[in-house]
C-alpha atoms as a PDB file:
ATOM      1  CA  MET A   1      14.779   2.592 -10.144  1.00  0.00           C
ATOM      2  CA  ILE A   2      16.897   3.996  -7.301  1.00  0.00           C
ATOM      3  CA  LEU A   3      15.130   7.361  -7.556  1.00  0.00           C
ATOM      4  CA  GLN A   4      11.730   5.666  -7.315  1.00  0.00           C
ATOM      5  CA  LEU A   5      12.829   3.731  -4.230  1.00  0.00           C
ATOM      6  CA  ILE A   6      14.065   6.905  -2.561  1.00  0.00           C
ATOM      7  CA  THR A   7      10.917   8.870  -3.399  1.00  0.00           C
ATOM      8  CA  SER A   8       8.630   6.057  -2.245  1.00  0.00           C
ATOM      9  CA  PHE A   9      10.550   5.910   1.046  1.00  0.00           C
ATOM     10  CA  ILE A  10      10.195   9.672   1.485  1.00  0.00           C
ATOM     11  CA  ALA A  11       6.492   9.635   0.528  1.00  0.00           C
ATOM     12  CA  ALA A  12       5.659   6.884   3.009  1.00  0.00           C
ATOM     13  CA  SER A  13       7.685   8.507   5.800  1.00  0.00           C
ATOM     14  CA  ALA A  14       6.268  11.968   5.108  1.00  0.00           C
ATOM     15  CA  PHE A  15       2.716  10.667   5.190  1.00  0.00           C
ATOM     16  CA  CYS A  16       3.437   9.038   8.537  1.00  0.00           C
ATOM     17  CA  VAL A  17       4.542  12.433   9.816  1.00  0.00           C
ATOM     18  CA  LEU A  18       1.172  13.840   8.700  1.00  0.00           C
ATOM     19  CA  PHE A  19      -0.503  10.803  10.262  1.00  0.00           C
ATOM     20  CA  ASN A  20       1.193  11.678  13.593  1.00  0.00           C
ATOM     21  CA  ALA A  21       3.063   8.396  13.775  1.00  0.00           C
ATOM     22  CA  PRO A  22       5.739   8.176  16.459  1.00  0.00           C
ATOM     23  CA  VAL A  23       9.104   9.487  15.305  1.00  0.00           C
ATOM     24  CA  ARG A  24      10.736   6.154  16.103  1.00  0.00           C
ATOM     25  CA  ALA A  25       8.439   4.467  13.536  1.00  0.00           C
ATOM     26  CA  LEU A  26       9.206   6.734  10.566  1.00  0.00           C
ATOM     27  CA  LEU A  27      12.114   4.652   9.305  1.00  0.00           C
ATOM     28  CA  GLN A  28      10.055   1.460   9.343  1.00  0.00           C
ATOM     29  CA  CYS A  29       7.085   3.199   7.663  1.00  0.00           C
ATOM     30  CA  GLY A  30       9.347   4.419   4.898  1.00  0.00           C
ATOM     31  CA  PHE A  31      10.867   0.981   4.541  1.00  0.00           C
ATOM     32  CA  ALA A  32       7.420  -0.640   4.236  1.00  0.00           C
ATOM     33  CA  GLY A  33       6.409   1.852   1.543  1.00  0.00           C
ATOM     34  CA  MET A  34       9.667   1.394  -0.325  1.00  0.00           C
ATOM     35  CA  ILE A  35       9.443  -2.408  -0.300  1.00  0.00           C
ATOM     36  CA  GLY A  36       5.806  -2.291  -1.411  1.00  0.00           C
ATOM     37  CA  TRP A  37       6.595   0.067  -4.293  1.00  0.00           C
ATOM     38  CA  MET A  38       9.643  -1.966  -5.355  1.00  0.00           C
ATOM     39  CA  LEU A  39       7.578  -5.151  -5.405  1.00  0.00           C
ATOM     40  CA  TYR A  40       4.787  -3.387  -7.288  1.00  0.00           C
ATOM     41  CA  LEU A  41       7.240  -2.264  -9.985  1.00  0.00           C
ATOM     42  CA  GLN A  42       8.575  -5.796 -10.336  1.00  0.00           C
ATOM     43  CA  LEU A  43       5.130  -7.425 -10.469  1.00  0.00           C
ATOM     44  CA  ASP A  44       3.651  -4.791 -12.789  1.00  0.00           C
ATOM     45  CA  ASP A  45       6.108  -5.831 -15.510  1.00  0.00           C
ATOM     46  CA  ARG A  46       4.791  -9.396 -15.450  1.00  0.00           C
ATOM     47  CA  TRP A  47       1.127  -9.152 -14.416  1.00  0.00           C
ATOM     48  CA  ASP A  48      -1.818  -6.818 -14.495  1.00  0.00           C
ATOM     49  CA  THR A  49      -1.649  -3.623 -12.428  1.00  0.00           C
ATOM     50  CA  VAL A  50      -4.434  -4.802 -10.109  1.00  0.00           C
ATOM     51  CA  VAL A  51      -2.669  -8.103  -9.394  1.00  0.00           C
ATOM     52  CA  ALA A  52       0.623  -6.270  -8.837  1.00  0.00           C
ATOM     53  CA  THR A  53      -1.066  -3.872  -6.410  1.00  0.00           C
ATOM     54  CA  PHE A  54      -2.692  -6.757  -4.544  1.00  0.00           C
ATOM     55  CA  GLY A  55       0.594  -8.648  -4.227  1.00  0.00           C
ATOM     56  CA  ALA A  56       2.524  -5.593  -3.094  1.00  0.00           C
ATOM     57  CA  THR A  57      -0.177  -4.752  -0.543  1.00  0.00           C
ATOM     58  CA  VAL A  58      -0.097  -8.261   0.937  1.00  0.00           C
ATOM     59  CA  VAL A  59       3.654  -7.945   1.409  1.00  0.00           C
ATOM     60  CA  VAL A  60       3.262  -4.467   2.948  1.00  0.00           C
ATOM     61  CA  GLY A  61       0.661  -5.919   5.318  1.00  0.00           C
ATOM     62  CA  VAL A  62       2.924  -8.792   6.334  1.00  0.00           C
ATOM     63  CA  ILE A  63       5.847  -6.413   6.867  1.00  0.00           C
ATOM     64  CA  SER A  64       3.551  -4.175   8.915  1.00  0.00           C
ATOM     65  CA  GLN A  65       2.509  -7.133  11.079  1.00  0.00           C
ATOM     66  CA  PHE A  66       6.172  -7.949  11.662  1.00  0.00           C
ATOM     67  CA  PHE A  67       7.068  -4.345  12.526  1.00  0.00           C
ATOM     68  CA  ALA A  68       4.071  -4.048  14.843  1.00  0.00           C
ATOM     69  CA  ARG A  69       5.165  -7.073  16.841  1.00  0.00           C
ATOM     70  CA  SER A  70       8.842  -6.129  16.793  1.00  0.00           C
ATOM     71  CA  PHE A  71       8.371  -2.511  17.860  1.00  0.00           C
ATOM     72  CA  LYS A  72       5.228  -3.027  19.979  1.00  0.00           C
ATOM     73  CA  MET A  73       3.112  -0.537  18.040  1.00  0.00           C
ATOM     74  CA  PRO A  74      -0.245  -0.791  16.267  1.00  0.00           C
ATOM     75  CA  VAL A  75      -0.178  -2.371  12.811  1.00  0.00           C
ATOM     76  CA  ILE A  76      -2.045   0.539  11.260  1.00  0.00           C
ATOM     77  CA  ILE A  77       0.932   2.856  11.766  1.00  0.00           C
ATOM     78  CA  PHE A  78       3.034   0.799   9.400  1.00  0.00           C
ATOM     79  CA  SER A  79       0.352  -0.398   6.987  1.00  0.00           C
ATOM     80  CA  VAL A  80      -1.109   3.037   6.242  1.00  0.00           C
ATOM     81  CA  GLY A  81       2.316   4.500   5.558  1.00  0.00           C
ATOM     82  CA  GLY A  82       3.307   1.446   3.571  1.00  0.00           C
ATOM     83  CA  ILE A  83       0.390   1.552   1.152  1.00  0.00           C
ATOM     84  CA  ILE A  84       0.649   5.271   0.375  1.00  0.00           C
ATOM     85  CA  PRO A  85       2.861   4.762  -2.710  1.00  0.00           C
ATOM     86  CA  LEU A  86       0.279   2.272  -4.033  1.00  0.00           C
ATOM     87  CA  VAL A  87      -2.821   4.464  -3.627  1.00  0.00           C
ATOM     88  CA  PRO A  88      -4.242   5.426  -7.060  1.00  0.00           C
ATOM     89  CA  GLY A  89      -4.703   9.124  -6.288  1.00  0.00           C
ATOM     90  CA  GLY A  90      -3.488  10.330  -9.671  1.00  0.00           C
ATOM     91  CA  LEU A  91      -5.824   7.946 -11.446  1.00  0.00           C
ATOM     92  CA  ALA A  92      -8.808   9.124  -9.390  1.00  0.00           C
ATOM     93  CA  TYR A  93      -7.861  12.733 -10.157  1.00  0.00           C
ATOM     94  CA  ASP A  94      -7.672  11.936 -13.880  1.00  0.00           C
ATOM     95  CA  ALA A  95     -11.098  10.295 -13.708  1.00  0.00           C
ATOM     96  CA  MET A  96     -12.659  13.383 -12.154  1.00  0.00           C
ATOM     97  CA  ARG A  97     -10.880  15.641 -14.639  1.00  0.00           C
ATOM     98  CA  LYS A  98     -12.229  13.614 -17.569  1.00  0.00           C
ATOM     99  CA  PHE A  99     -15.761  13.915 -16.185  1.00  0.00           C
ATOM    100  CA  VAL A 100     -15.363  17.690 -15.890  1.00  0.00           C
ATOM    101  CA  GLU A 101     -14.079  17.805 -19.483  1.00  0.00           C
ATOM    102  CA  ASN A 102     -17.185  15.831 -20.589  1.00  0.00           C
ATOM    103  CA  ASP A 103     -15.100  12.836 -21.651  1.00  0.00           C
ATOM    104  CA  ASN A 104     -17.350  10.439 -19.747  1.00  0.00           C
ATOM    105  CA  ASN A 105     -16.100   7.213 -21.364  1.00  0.00           C
ATOM    106  CA  GLN A 106     -12.492   7.902 -20.397  1.00  0.00           C
ATOM    107  CA  GLY A 107     -13.629   9.099 -16.956  1.00  0.00           C
ATOM    108  CA  ILE A 108     -15.486   5.844 -16.362  1.00  0.00           C
ATOM    109  CA  GLN A 109     -12.458   3.816 -17.450  1.00  0.00           C
ATOM    110  CA  PHE A 110     -10.156   5.720 -15.107  1.00  0.00           C
ATOM    111  CA  GLY A 111     -12.706   5.565 -12.288  1.00  0.00           C
ATOM    112  CA  VAL A 112     -13.189   1.813 -12.599  1.00  0.00           C
ATOM    113  CA  GLN A 113      -9.430   1.277 -12.668  1.00  0.00           C
ATOM    114  CA  ALA A 114      -9.018   3.400  -9.519  1.00  0.00           C
ATOM    115  CA  LEU A 115     -11.827   1.436  -7.856  1.00  0.00           C
ATOM    116  CA  LEU A 116     -10.211  -1.889  -8.773  1.00  0.00           C
ATOM    117  CA  LEU A 117      -6.853  -0.759  -7.434  1.00  0.00           C
ATOM    118  CA  SER A 118      -8.456   0.475  -4.211  1.00  0.00           C
ATOM    119  CA  GLY A 119     -10.238  -2.864  -3.844  1.00  0.00           C
ATOM    120  CA  ALA A 120      -6.957  -4.698  -4.405  1.00  0.00           C
ATOM    121  CA  ILE A 121      -5.356  -2.632  -1.632  1.00  0.00           C
ATOM    122  CA  ALA A 122      -8.221  -3.381   0.749  1.00  0.00           C
ATOM    123  CA  ALA A 123      -8.201  -7.095  -0.091  1.00  0.00           C
ATOM    124  CA  GLY A 124      -4.424  -7.273   0.311  1.00  0.00           C
ATOM    125  CA  LEU A 125      -4.578  -5.689   3.747  1.00  0.00           C
ATOM    126  CA  VAL A 126      -7.372  -8.048   4.807  1.00  0.00           C
ATOM    127  CA  LEU A 127      -5.457 -11.089   3.557  1.00  0.00           C
ATOM    128  CA  SER A 128      -2.297 -10.036   5.379  1.00  0.00           C
ATOM    129  CA  GLU A 129      -4.313  -9.552   8.582  1.00  0.00           C
ATOM    130  CA  VAL A 130      -5.843 -13.028   8.216  1.00  0.00           C
ATOM    131  CA  LEU A 131      -2.398 -14.519   7.609  1.00  0.00           C
ATOM    132  CA  GLY A 132      -1.099 -12.704  10.695  1.00  0.00           C
ATOM    133  CA  GLN A 133      -3.940 -14.046  12.833  1.00  0.00           C
ATOM    134  CA  MET A 134      -3.379 -17.585  11.534  1.00  0.00           C
ATOM    135  CA  PHE A 135       0.307 -17.303  12.355  1.00  0.00           C
ATOM    136  CA  ARG A 136      -0.427 -16.015  15.874  1.00  0.00           C
ATOM    137  CA  ARG A 137      -2.960 -18.796  16.538  1.00  0.00           C
ATOM    138  CA  LYS A 138      -0.531 -21.442  15.338  1.00  0.00           C
ATOM    139  CA  ASN A 139       2.188 -20.081  17.642  1.00  0.00           C
ATOM    140  CA  THR A 140      -0.089 -19.866  20.689  1.00  0.00           C
ATOM    141  CA  SER A 141      -1.478 -23.383  20.237  1.00  0.00           C
ATOM    142  CA  GLU A 142       1.968 -24.982  20.218  1.00  0.00           C
END
């Protein structure tokens, strides 16, 4: 578990370096990715992988909103780095490999799973953005 947390932190931070995020945001990007991956591992034991990915992405989005306000940076810096450990790249690769090997049924299964996980990530980010806007409106109206 500790090794997975460390590697998810490094993966999220390293992607932010590739993404040209400011150096002062790398720690927070890594933290967002690590928290998202830790939550995903916990939820994946109890629920379906798609639900676990959705839940972890919502939390990453909320953390990203918080970091964006706290450090006065765009939300996308933290959210993109934070979701990197959740992206189903290996599953999409396996789907393409199965198609090349003429195992179309397995390729379709892997492809649909990758699509569902990608949709869960997108929906989680949208929900966290909506929650952030609702929170901001509530604070400005008071």
